[in-house]
Amino acid sequence: MAQERGKPTVGENAPQLQLTSATPEHIAIIMDGNNRWAKKRLLPGAAGHRAGAKLLRPIAEACVAHKVSNLTVFAFSTENWHRPSGEVSVLMDLMRYVMKNDIKDLHAKGVRLRIIGDRSRFAPDICAMMDQCEGLTKDNTELNMSVAVNFGGRWDITMAAKALAEKVSRGEFSADAIDEDMFGAHLSLSEVGEPDLLIRTGGDHRVSNFLLWDLAYTELYFTDLFWPDFDAKQLKIAIEEYALRQRRFGGR
């Protein structure tokens, strides 16, 4: 399973140092800076979001070319609902556009699309498109692309805790049986495992309530480039930087 790669081994014979491979198996991206990209060009914020949305497909295709197995992108957070209604409307329309216009190309490249997050606040047509895209690509194996929408790391942990609590109340197991592996199996990325590399564009150095549990030992890469300026060449630079890292997982 992909989730086993990069995890520290438990036991007295466990290695204390793990060199990274040339390519991360799982890349996560916080796509930040769309509004600032537009402002710098004296354009409306919507232009930045549109430019950023156009990058999803080429970045996914670049991941396929680099033999990356899993890509997770932070497209819309639980906090993004607090943005001006006009901006939220633009983001909803961009979701529709990407799912309608890019899914066939992604499917042809062997990309499996997964939508993670709380879908309850989305319009029925968007939810239907999510189901259709997932159904169309469910058997693809070149890249697992998880798109986080109405997602937050605290929400993800809370949902996992609730699911475990319900199982304990039904008598499926005792609370004492719950360990980190069991908890992790109830998180949104349980199928694909923890990211090896997190990329954040836009210059800020924080994880912004993204994959709070999953990023415990992820290598972090920050760039001042705004997301619309982050292309396949920049992805290659980030991967090359990752290859120089040593992953200790708390050891020496």
C-alpha atoms as a PDB file:
ATOM      1  CA  MET A   1       0.000   0.000   0.000  1.00  0.00           C
ATOM      2  CA  ALA A   2       1.177   3.515  -0.774  1.00  0.00           C
ATOM      3  CA  GLN A   3       0.603   4.641   2.784  1.00  0.00           C
ATOM      4  CA  GLU A   4       3.379   2.373   4.055  1.00  0.00           C
ATOM      5  CA  ARG A   5       6.071   4.196   2.075  1.00  0.00           C
ATOM      6  CA  GLY A   6       8.081   6.611   4.154  1.00  0.00           C
ATOM      7  CA  LYS A   7       6.536   5.676   7.494  1.00  0.00           C
ATOM      8  CA  PRO A   8       8.970   5.032  10.361  1.00  0.00           C
ATOM      9  CA  THR A   9       9.467   1.385  11.259  1.00  0.00           C
ATOM     10  CA  VAL A  10       8.722   0.374  14.831  1.00  0.00           C
ATOM     11  CA  GLY A  11      11.156  -1.940  16.589  1.00  0.00           C
ATOM     12  CA  GLU A  12      14.679  -2.098  17.931  1.00  0.00           C
ATOM     13  CA  ASN A  13      16.147  -2.853  14.495  1.00  0.00           C
ATOM     14  CA  ALA A  14      14.411   0.075  12.821  1.00  0.00           C
ATOM     15  CA  PRO A  15      16.672   2.341  10.740  1.00  0.00           C
ATOM     16  CA  GLN A  16      17.290   5.745  12.277  1.00  0.00           C
ATOM     17  CA  LEU A  17      17.734   7.611   8.984  1.00  0.00           C
ATOM     18  CA  GLN A  18      15.955   7.321   5.662  1.00  0.00           C
ATOM     19  CA  LEU A  19      17.293   9.019   2.568  1.00  0.00           C
ATOM     20  CA  THR A  20      14.596  10.232   0.227  1.00  0.00           C
ATOM     21  CA  SER A  21      14.137   8.631  -3.151  1.00  0.00           C
ATOM     22  CA  ALA A  22      14.547  10.820  -6.223  1.00  0.00           C
ATOM     23  CA  THR A  23      10.806  11.311  -6.540  1.00  0.00           C
ATOM     24  CA  PRO A  24       8.198  11.662  -3.789  1.00  0.00           C
ATOM     25  CA  GLU A  25       5.425   9.114  -4.024  1.00  0.00           C
ATOM     26  CA  HIS A  26       2.840  11.585  -2.731  1.00  0.00           C
ATOM     27  CA  ILE A  27       2.864  15.351  -3.287  1.00  0.00           C
ATOM     28  CA  ALA A  28       0.423  17.734  -1.609  1.00  0.00           C
ATOM     29  CA  ILE A  29       0.003  21.332  -2.776  1.00  0.00           C
ATOM     30  CA  ILE A  30      -1.477  24.427  -1.143  1.00  0.00           C
ATOM     31  CA  MET A  31      -2.276  26.521  -4.212  1.00  0.00           C
ATOM     32  CA  ASP A  32      -1.963  30.051  -2.833  1.00  0.00           C
ATOM     33  CA  GLY A  33      -1.573  33.490  -4.368  1.00  0.00           C
ATOM     34  CA  ASN A  34      -4.264  33.703  -7.063  1.00  0.00           C
ATOM     35  CA  ASN A  35      -5.656  37.026  -5.845  1.00  0.00           C
ATOM     36  CA  ARG A  36      -2.223  38.592  -5.387  1.00  0.00           C
ATOM     37  CA  TRP A  37      -1.177  37.386  -8.853  1.00  0.00           C
ATOM     38  CA  ALA A  38      -4.186  39.187 -10.321  1.00  0.00           C
ATOM     39  CA  LYS A  39      -3.690  42.325  -8.224  1.00  0.00           C
ATOM     40  CA  LYS A  40      -0.070  42.573  -9.360  1.00  0.00           C
ATOM     41  CA  ARG A  41      -1.354  42.643 -12.953  1.00  0.00           C
ATOM     42  CA  LEU A  42      -4.167  45.119 -12.171  1.00  0.00           C
ATOM     43  CA  LEU A  43      -6.714  42.394 -12.911  1.00  0.00           C
ATOM     44  CA  PRO A  44      -9.809  41.368 -10.925  1.00  0.00           C
ATOM     45  CA  GLY A  45      -9.361  38.527  -8.459  1.00  0.00           C
ATOM     46  CA  ALA A  46     -11.482  36.253 -10.628  1.00  0.00           C
ATOM     47  CA  ALA A  47      -8.763  36.388 -13.302  1.00  0.00           C
ATOM     48  CA  GLY A  48      -6.270  34.973 -10.817  1.00  0.00           C
ATOM     49  CA  HIS A  49      -8.574  32.134  -9.846  1.00  0.00           C
ATOM     50  CA  ARG A  50      -9.160  31.299 -13.520  1.00  0.00           C
ATOM     51  CA  ALA A  51      -5.433  31.300 -14.226  1.00  0.00           C
ATOM     52  CA  GLY A  52      -4.854  29.058 -11.234  1.00  0.00           C
ATOM     53  CA  ALA A  53      -7.586  26.626 -12.240  1.00  0.00           C
ATOM     54  CA  LYS A  54      -5.972  26.159 -15.649  1.00  0.00           C
ATOM     55  CA  LEU A  55      -2.828  24.824 -13.937  1.00  0.00           C
ATOM     56  CA  LEU A  56      -4.454  21.803 -12.318  1.00  0.00           C
ATOM     57  CA  ARG A  57      -4.413  19.619 -15.427  1.00  0.00           C
ATOM     58  CA  PRO A  58      -0.802  20.367 -16.527  1.00  0.00           C
ATOM     59  CA  ILE A  59       0.499  19.893 -12.979  1.00  0.00           C
ATOM     60  CA  ALA A  60      -1.317  16.555 -12.741  1.00  0.00           C
ATOM     61  CA  GLU A  61       0.146  15.553 -16.108  1.00  0.00           C
ATOM     62  CA  ALA A  62       3.624  16.583 -14.905  1.00  0.00           C
ATOM     63  CA  CYS A  63       3.155  14.347 -11.846  1.00  0.00           C
ATOM     64  CA  VAL A  64       2.334  11.457 -14.173  1.00  0.00           C
ATOM     65  CA  ALA A  65       5.492  12.191 -16.170  1.00  0.00           C
ATOM     66  CA  HIS A  66       7.580  12.177 -12.959  1.00  0.00           C
ATOM     67  CA  LYS A  67       6.005   8.862 -11.839  1.00  0.00           C
ATOM     68  CA  VAL A  68       4.421  10.467  -8.783  1.00  0.00           C
ATOM     69  CA  SER A  69       1.704   8.108  -7.545  1.00  0.00           C
ATOM     70  CA  ASN A  70      -0.452  10.522  -5.539  1.00  0.00           C
ATOM     71  CA  LEU A  71      -1.259  14.215  -5.768  1.00  0.00           C
ATOM     72  CA  THR A  72      -3.440  16.065  -3.254  1.00  0.00           C
ATOM     73  CA  VAL A  73      -4.385  19.699  -3.864  1.00  0.00           C
ATOM     74  CA  PHE A  74      -6.089  22.151  -1.500  1.00  0.00           C
ATOM     75  CA  ALA A  75      -8.730  23.724  -3.739  1.00  0.00           C
ATOM     76  CA  PHE A  76     -11.295  25.131  -1.293  1.00  0.00           C
ATOM     77  CA  SER A  77     -11.051  25.217   2.482  1.00  0.00           C
ATOM     78  CA  THR A  78     -13.792  25.258   5.085  1.00  0.00           C
ATOM     79  CA  GLU A  79     -12.749  28.860   5.798  1.00  0.00           C
ATOM     80  CA  ASN A  80     -13.125  29.962   2.153  1.00  0.00           C
ATOM     81  CA  TRP A  81     -16.888  30.250   2.600  1.00  0.00           C
ATOM     82  CA  HIS A  82     -16.174  33.459   4.539  1.00  0.00           C
ATOM     83  CA  ARG A  83     -14.855  35.186   1.421  1.00  0.00           C
ATOM     84  CA  PRO A  84     -17.073  37.694  -0.462  1.00  0.00           C
ATOM     85  CA  SER A  85     -20.068  35.987  -2.068  1.00  0.00           C
ATOM     86  CA  GLY A  86     -18.968  37.042  -5.556  1.00  0.00           C
ATOM     87  CA  GLU A  87     -15.591  35.382  -5.116  1.00  0.00           C
ATOM     88  CA  VAL A  88     -17.181  32.191  -3.766  1.00  0.00           C
ATOM     89  CA  SER A  89     -19.505  32.141  -6.785  1.00  0.00           C
ATOM     90  CA  VAL A  90     -16.511  32.401  -9.123  1.00  0.00           C
ATOM     91  CA  LEU A  91     -14.815  29.504  -7.339  1.00  0.00           C
ATOM     92  CA  MET A  92     -17.946  27.360  -7.661  1.00  0.00           C
ATOM     93  CA  ASP A  93     -18.133  28.086 -11.388  1.00  0.00           C
ATOM     94  CA  LEU A  94     -14.460  27.182 -11.751  1.00  0.00           C
ATOM     95  CA  MET A  95     -15.122  23.821 -10.093  1.00  0.00           C
ATOM     96  CA  ARG A  96     -17.819  23.196 -12.673  1.00  0.00           C
ATOM     97  CA  TYR A  97     -15.517  24.294 -15.494  1.00  0.00           C
ATOM     98  CA  VAL A  98     -12.613  22.070 -14.463  1.00  0.00           C
ATOM     99  CA  MET A  99     -14.787  19.007 -13.965  1.00  0.00           C
ATOM    100  CA  LYS A 100     -16.530  19.566 -17.303  1.00  0.00           C
ATOM    101  CA  ASN A 101     -13.554  20.499 -19.466  1.00  0.00           C
ATOM    102  CA  ASP A 102     -10.481  18.811 -17.963  1.00  0.00           C
ATOM    103  CA  ILE A 103     -11.794  15.446 -16.821  1.00  0.00           C
ATOM    104  CA  LYS A 104     -11.568  13.760 -20.239  1.00  0.00           C
ATOM    105  CA  ASP A 105      -7.911  14.731 -20.640  1.00  0.00           C
ATOM    106  CA  LEU A 106      -7.117  13.615 -17.093  1.00  0.00           C
ATOM    107  CA  HIS A 107      -8.948  10.339 -17.714  1.00  0.00           C
ATOM    108  CA  ALA A 108      -6.923   9.796 -20.900  1.00  0.00           C
ATOM    109  CA  LYS A 109      -3.727  10.277 -18.885  1.00  0.00           C
ATOM    110  CA  GLY A 110      -4.804   7.592 -16.411  1.00  0.00           C
ATOM    111  CA  VAL A 111      -5.607   9.980 -13.551  1.00  0.00           C
ATOM    112  CA  ARG A 112      -8.049   8.821 -10.905  1.00  0.00           C
ATOM    113  CA  LEU A 113      -9.934  11.768  -9.407  1.00  0.00           C
ATOM    114  CA  ARG A 114     -10.996  11.688  -5.758  1.00  0.00           C
ATOM    115  CA  ILE A 115     -12.912  14.491  -4.045  1.00  0.00           C
ATOM    116  CA  ILE A 116     -12.261  14.788  -0.312  1.00  0.00           C
ATOM    117  CA  GLY A 117     -14.077  17.069   2.105  1.00  0.00           C
ATOM    118  CA  ASP A 118     -17.622  17.843   3.200  1.00  0.00           C
ATOM    119  CA  ARG A 119     -19.874  17.971   0.122  1.00  0.00           C
ATOM    120  CA  SER A 120     -23.028  18.949   2.004  1.00  0.00           C
ATOM    121  CA  ARG A 121     -22.767  22.693   1.215  1.00  0.00           C
ATOM    122  CA  PHE A 122     -22.274  22.330  -2.523  1.00  0.00           C
ATOM    123  CA  ALA A 123     -25.036  22.763  -5.088  1.00  0.00           C
ATOM    124  CA  PRO A 124     -26.654  19.516  -6.309  1.00  0.00           C
ATOM    125  CA  ASP A 125     -25.216  19.881  -9.817  1.00  0.00           C
ATOM    126  CA  ILE A 126     -21.670  20.196  -8.442  1.00  0.00           C
ATOM    127  CA  CYS A 127     -22.166  17.104  -6.266  1.00  0.00           C
ATOM    128  CA  ALA A 128     -23.475  15.202  -9.285  1.00  0.00           C
ATOM    129  CA  MET A 129     -20.428  16.222 -11.339  1.00  0.00           C
ATOM    130  CA  MET A 130     -18.133  15.079  -8.530  1.00  0.00           C
ATOM    131  CA  ASP A 131     -19.795  11.655  -8.554  1.00  0.00           C
ATOM    132  CA  GLN A 132     -19.573  11.446 -12.344  1.00  0.00           C
ATOM    133  CA  CYS A 133     -15.862  12.356 -12.430  1.00  0.00           C
ATOM    134  CA  GLU A 134     -15.030   9.858  -9.708  1.00  0.00           C
ATOM    135  CA  GLY A 135     -17.023   7.154 -11.459  1.00  0.00           C
ATOM    136  CA  LEU A 136     -15.404   7.813 -14.823  1.00  0.00           C
ATOM    137  CA  THR A 137     -11.839   7.646 -13.475  1.00  0.00           C
ATOM    138  CA  LYS A 138     -12.214   5.072 -10.671  1.00  0.00           C
ATOM    139  CA  ASP A 139     -10.165   2.366 -12.421  1.00  0.00           C
ATOM    140  CA  ASN A 140      -7.256   4.605 -13.471  1.00  0.00           C
ATOM    141  CA  THR A 141      -3.866   3.842 -11.935  1.00  0.00           C
ATOM    142  CA  GLU A 142      -1.310   6.355 -13.246  1.00  0.00           C
ATOM    143  CA  LEU A 143      -2.053   8.995 -10.583  1.00  0.00           C
ATOM    144  CA  ASN A 144      -4.434   9.286  -7.650  1.00  0.00           C
ATOM    145  CA  MET A 145      -5.448  12.952  -7.635  1.00  0.00           C
ATOM    146  CA  SER A 146      -7.287  13.989  -4.476  1.00  0.00           C
ATOM    147  CA  VAL A 147      -8.936  17.409  -4.631  1.00  0.00           C
ATOM    148  CA  ALA A 148      -9.746  18.838  -1.190  1.00  0.00           C
ATOM    149  CA  VAL A 149     -12.897  20.998  -1.261  1.00  0.00           C
ATOM    150  CA  ASN A 150     -14.748  22.339   1.769  1.00  0.00           C
ATOM    151  CA  PHE A 151     -11.928  20.598   3.592  1.00  0.00           C
ATOM    152  CA  GLY A 152     -10.049  21.362   6.779  1.00  0.00           C
ATOM    153  CA  GLY A 153      -7.546  19.355   8.775  1.00  0.00           C
ATOM    154  CA  ARG A 154      -9.493  19.879  12.000  1.00  0.00           C
ATOM    155  CA  TRP A 155     -12.713  18.794  10.257  1.00  0.00           C
ATOM    156  CA  ASP A 156     -10.983  15.641   9.006  1.00  0.00           C
ATOM    157  CA  ILE A 157      -9.725  14.734  12.481  1.00  0.00           C
ATOM    158  CA  THR A 158     -13.126  15.474  14.014  1.00  0.00           C
ATOM    159  CA  MET A 159     -14.903  13.230  11.486  1.00  0.00           C
ATOM    160  CA  ALA A 160     -12.455  10.406  12.195  1.00  0.00           C
ATOM    161  CA  ALA A 161     -12.983  10.784  15.951  1.00  0.00           C
ATOM    162  CA  LYS A 162     -16.756  10.690  15.495  1.00  0.00           C
ATOM    163  CA  ALA A 163     -16.578   7.586  13.323  1.00  0.00           C
ATOM    164  CA  LEU A 164     -14.451   5.768  15.880  1.00  0.00           C
ATOM    165  CA  ALA A 165     -16.707   6.875  18.748  1.00  0.00           C
ATOM    166  CA  GLU A 166     -19.746   5.501  16.923  1.00  0.00           C
ATOM    167  CA  LYS A 167     -18.032   2.152  16.399  1.00  0.00           C
ATOM    168  CA  VAL A 168     -17.073   1.976  20.070  1.00  0.00           C
ATOM    169  CA  SER A 169     -20.683   2.764  21.060  1.00  0.00           C
ATOM    170  CA  ARG A 170     -21.875  -0.080  18.831  1.00  0.00           C
ATOM    171  CA  GLY A 171     -19.475  -2.436  20.554  1.00  0.00           C
ATOM    172  CA  GLU A 172     -17.303  -3.127  17.511  1.00  0.00           C
ATOM    173  CA  PHE A 173     -14.181  -2.626  19.634  1.00  0.00           C
ATOM    174  CA  SER A 174     -13.132  -0.953  22.874  1.00  0.00           C
ATOM    175  CA  ALA A 175     -11.648   2.531  23.146  1.00  0.00           C
ATOM    176  CA  ASP A 176      -8.394   0.933  24.294  1.00  0.00           C
ATOM    177  CA  ALA A 177      -8.065  -0.710  20.890  1.00  0.00           C
ATOM    178  CA  ILE A 178      -7.742   2.629  19.110  1.00  0.00           C
ATOM    179  CA  ASP A 179      -4.182   3.433  18.040  1.00  0.00           C
ATOM    180  CA  GLU A 180      -2.584   5.765  15.492  1.00  0.00           C
ATOM    181  CA  ASP A 181      -2.963   3.312  12.621  1.00  0.00           C
ATOM    182  CA  MET A 182      -6.649   2.790  13.322  1.00  0.00           C
ATOM    183  CA  PHE A 183      -7.223   6.531  13.613  1.00  0.00           C
ATOM    184  CA  GLY A 184      -5.340   7.197  10.377  1.00  0.00           C
ATOM    185  CA  ALA A 185      -7.472   4.625   8.586  1.00  0.00           C
ATOM    186  CA  HIS A 186     -10.522   6.836   9.197  1.00  0.00           C
ATOM    187  CA  LEU A 187      -9.013   9.984   7.653  1.00  0.00           C
ATOM    188  CA  SER A 188      -9.711  11.236   4.149  1.00  0.00           C
ATOM    189  CA  LEU A 189      -6.325  10.184   2.759  1.00  0.00           C
ATOM    190  CA  SER A 190      -6.338   6.691   4.263  1.00  0.00           C
ATOM    191  CA  GLU A 191      -6.356   5.119   0.783  1.00  0.00           C
ATOM    192  CA  VAL A 192      -3.256   6.939  -0.446  1.00  0.00           C
ATOM    193  CA  GLY A 193      -1.225   7.572   2.681  1.00  0.00           C
ATOM    194  CA  GLU A 194       0.696  10.533   4.007  1.00  0.00           C
ATOM    195  CA  PRO A 195       2.347  13.085   1.687  1.00  0.00           C
ATOM    196  CA  ASP A 196       6.111  12.910   1.262  1.00  0.00           C
ATOM    197  CA  LEU A 197       6.323  16.506   0.049  1.00  0.00           C
ATOM    198  CA  LEU A 198       4.099  19.532   0.685  1.00  0.00           C
ATOM    199  CA  ILE A 199       4.456  22.467  -1.690  1.00  0.00           C
ATOM    200  CA  ARG A 200       2.991  25.845  -0.787  1.00  0.00           C
ATOM    201  CA  THR A 201       3.051  28.698  -3.264  1.00  0.00           C
ATOM    202  CA  GLY A 202       2.472  32.383  -2.543  1.00  0.00           C
ATOM    203  CA  GLY A 203       5.191  33.048   0.017  1.00  0.00           C
ATOM    204  CA  ASP A 204       3.398  32.160   3.259  1.00  0.00           C
ATOM    205  CA  HIS A 205       5.033  29.593   5.535  1.00  0.00           C
ATOM    206  CA  ARG A 206       2.129  27.787   7.189  1.00  0.00           C
ATOM    207  CA  VAL A 207      -0.114  24.786   6.542  1.00  0.00           C
ATOM    208  CA  SER A 208      -3.425  26.692   6.976  1.00  0.00           C
ATOM    209  CA  ASN A 209      -5.507  23.876   8.457  1.00  0.00           C
ATOM    210  CA  PHE A 210      -4.725  21.505   5.587  1.00  0.00           C
ATOM    211  CA  LEU A 211      -3.673  17.914   6.330  1.00  0.00           C
ATOM    212  CA  LEU A 212      -2.876  18.429  10.009  1.00  0.00           C
ATOM    213  CA  TRP A 213      -2.532  14.746  10.935  1.00  0.00           C
ATOM    214  CA  ASP A 214      -0.989  13.622   7.651  1.00  0.00           C
ATOM    215  CA  LEU A 215       1.808  16.229   7.514  1.00  0.00           C
ATOM    216  CA  ALA A 216       3.543  15.086  10.716  1.00  0.00           C
ATOM    217  CA  TYR A 217       6.745  14.051   8.896  1.00  0.00           C
ATOM    218  CA  THR A 218       6.170  15.556   5.470  1.00  0.00           C
ATOM    219  CA  GLU A 219       8.961  17.568   3.866  1.00  0.00           C
ATOM    220  CA  LEU A 220       7.840  21.189   3.421  1.00  0.00           C
ATOM    221  CA  TYR A 221       8.716  23.297   0.377  1.00  0.00           C
ATOM    222  CA  PHE A 222       7.751  26.973   0.233  1.00  0.00           C
ATOM    223  CA  THR A 223       8.062  29.246  -2.783  1.00  0.00           C
ATOM    224  CA  ASP A 224       7.326  32.948  -3.217  1.00  0.00           C
ATOM    225  CA  LEU A 225       5.826  32.274  -6.648  1.00  0.00           C
ATOM    226  CA  PHE A 226       2.088  32.762  -6.869  1.00  0.00           C
ATOM    227  CA  TRP A 227       0.163  29.657  -7.884  1.00  0.00           C
ATOM    228  CA  PRO A 228      -0.579  30.792 -11.488  1.00  0.00           C
ATOM    229  CA  ASP A 229       3.200  31.115 -12.031  1.00  0.00           C
ATOM    230  CA  PHE A 230       3.960  27.623 -10.698  1.00  0.00           C
ATOM    231  CA  ASP A 231       4.383  25.364 -13.729  1.00  0.00           C
ATOM    232  CA  ALA A 232       5.864  21.970 -14.563  1.00  0.00           C
ATOM    233  CA  LYS A 233       9.381  23.439 -14.450  1.00  0.00           C
ATOM    234  CA  GLN A 234       8.811  24.698 -10.914  1.00  0.00           C
ATOM    235  CA  LEU A 235       7.416  21.307  -9.906  1.00  0.00           C
ATOM    236  CA  LYS A 236      10.623  19.699 -11.145  1.00  0.00           C
ATOM    237  CA  ILE A 237      12.666  22.148  -9.039  1.00  0.00           C
ATOM    238  CA  ALA A 238      10.633  21.236  -5.954  1.00  0.00           C
ATOM    239  CA  ILE A 239      11.124  17.518  -6.599  1.00  0.00           C
ATOM    240  CA  GLU A 240      14.877  18.033  -7.044  1.00  0.00           C
ATOM    241  CA  GLU A 241      14.995  19.914  -3.727  1.00  0.00           C
ATOM    242  CA  TYR A 242      13.091  17.061  -2.076  1.00  0.00           C
ATOM    243  CA  ALA A 243      15.677  14.568  -3.352  1.00  0.00           C
ATOM    244  CA  LEU A 244      18.359  16.399  -1.346  1.00  0.00           C
ATOM    245  CA  ARG A 245      16.476  16.023   1.946  1.00  0.00           C
ATOM    246  CA  GLN A 246      17.138  13.416   4.643  1.00  0.00           C
ATOM    247  CA  ARG A 247      14.042  12.126   6.392  1.00  0.00           C
ATOM    248  CA  ARG A 248      14.741  11.218  10.018  1.00  0.00           C
ATOM    249  CA  PHE A 249      11.220  10.693  11.426  1.00  0.00           C
ATOM    250  CA  GLY A 250      12.479  11.822  14.829  1.00  0.00           C
ATOM    251  CA  GLY A 251      15.616   9.651  14.704  1.00  0.00           C
ATOM    252  CA  ARG A 252      19.206  10.558  13.909  1.00  0.00           C
END
